[in-house]
Amino acid sequence: MEADYLKSRMKYHGTHERGYSRHYNAINRHANKIKDAQEKFYHSKEWQGLRRVVLDKQHYLCQYCLSEGRVKPAKIVDHCVPITFDPS
């Protein structure tokens, strides 16, 4: 089944020219002003610094997984209160 799936995926592979995917990946996809503000926050120097400090403190391990006895690397730093609910 996997071979059939990969064959069907490859059917469309390369149908677009290179410039298409490069242009597609460069488009800014913010739905509204709130999402735009959130995006700016996550790319800010303050958030990137805090993120690095938290990941260093937690040894780059997922805290949710650790609470369930699993050890997995972490890439995401979560908020106590999600920014969507309280931007402050």
Protein backbone atom coordinates (compact mmCIF):
# COMPACT_ATOMS: atom_id res chain seq x y z
CA MET A 1 0.00 0.00 0.00
CA GLU A 2 2.84 2.37 0.79
CA ALA A 3 4.35 1.91 -2.69
CA ASP A 4 0.98 2.75 -4.28
CA TYR A 5 0.65 5.81 -2.07
CA LEU A 6 4.15 7.05 -2.96
CA LYS A 7 3.48 6.41 -6.64
CA SER A 8 0.29 8.50 -6.48
CA ARG A 9 2.16 11.30 -4.67
CA MET A 10 4.94 11.32 -7.26
CA LYS A 11 2.37 11.69 -10.04
CA TYR A 12 2.05 15.38 -9.13
CA HIS A 13 5.66 15.88 -8.08
CA GLY A 14 7.38 18.38 -10.32
CA THR A 15 4.21 19.58 -12.07
CA HIS A 16 4.89 23.13 -10.88
CA GLU A 17 7.95 25.04 -11.91
CA ARG A 18 10.55 25.95 -9.29
CA GLY A 19 9.48 29.57 -9.08
CA TYR A 20 5.98 28.51 -8.06
CA SER A 21 7.08 26.82 -4.84
CA ARG A 22 9.57 29.56 -4.06
CA HIS A 23 6.81 32.17 -4.46
CA TYR A 24 4.31 30.03 -2.51
CA ASN A 25 6.66 29.76 0.46
CA ALA A 26 7.32 33.51 0.50
CA ILE A 27 3.68 34.53 0.90
CA ASN A 28 2.74 36.03 4.26
CA ARG A 29 -0.28 34.10 5.57
CA HIS A 30 -1.61 36.13 8.49
CA ALA A 31 -5.38 35.99 8.74
CA ASN A 32 -5.87 39.25 10.62
CA LYS A 33 -4.22 41.94 12.75
CA ILE A 34 -4.27 39.76 15.88
CA LYS A 35 -2.42 36.91 14.14
CA ASP A 36 0.01 39.44 12.69
CA ALA A 37 0.75 40.80 16.18
CA GLN A 38 1.25 37.27 17.51
CA GLU A 39 3.66 36.50 14.68
CA LYS A 40 5.67 39.64 15.47
CA PHE A 41 5.76 38.64 19.16
CA TYR A 42 7.08 35.15 18.43
CA HIS A 43 9.86 36.59 16.27
CA SER A 44 10.79 39.29 18.78
CA LYS A 45 14.19 39.33 20.43
CA GLU A 46 12.57 39.17 23.89
CA TRP A 47 10.58 36.00 23.14
CA GLN A 48 13.49 34.27 21.42
CA GLY A 49 15.71 34.98 24.44
CA LEU A 50 13.12 33.79 26.94
CA ARG A 51 12.44 30.70 24.85
CA ARG A 52 16.14 29.82 24.85
CA VAL A 53 16.39 30.32 28.63
CA VAL A 54 13.37 28.06 29.27
CA LEU A 55 14.59 25.32 26.94
CA ASP A 56 18.06 25.42 28.53
CA LYS A 57 16.51 25.22 32.00
CA GLN A 58 14.41 22.20 30.98
CA HIS A 59 17.34 20.57 29.12
CA TYR A 60 15.39 20.73 25.84
CA LEU A 61 12.97 18.04 27.06
CA CYS A 62 9.19 18.09 26.59
CA GLN A 63 7.66 18.70 30.01
CA TYR A 64 4.27 17.19 29.07
CA CYS A 65 5.96 13.95 27.99
CA LEU A 66 8.13 13.88 31.12
CA SER A 67 5.04 14.13 33.30
CA GLU A 68 3.80 10.94 31.59
CA GLY A 69 7.15 9.17 31.98
CA ARG A 70 8.34 9.63 28.38
CA VAL A 71 11.51 11.41 27.33
CA LYS A 72 11.20 13.43 24.13
CA PRO A 73 13.05 16.49 22.84
CA ALA A 74 11.27 19.82 23.04
CA LYS A 75 11.16 22.51 20.38
CA ILE A 76 8.14 24.44 21.66
CA VAL A 77 7.88 26.62 24.73
CA ASP A 78 4.29 26.89 25.93
CA HIS A 79 2.60 29.72 27.78
CA CYS A 80 0.90 29.40 31.16
CA VAL A 81 -1.90 31.38 29.54
CA PRO A 82 -1.97 31.14 25.73
CA ILE A 83 -1.30 34.42 23.92
CA THR A 84 -4.59 33.97 22.05
CA PHE A 85 -6.51 34.36 25.31
CA ASP A 86 -4.39 37.05 26.98
CA PRO A 87 -1.81 38.92 24.90
CA SER A 88 -0.38 40.67 27.96
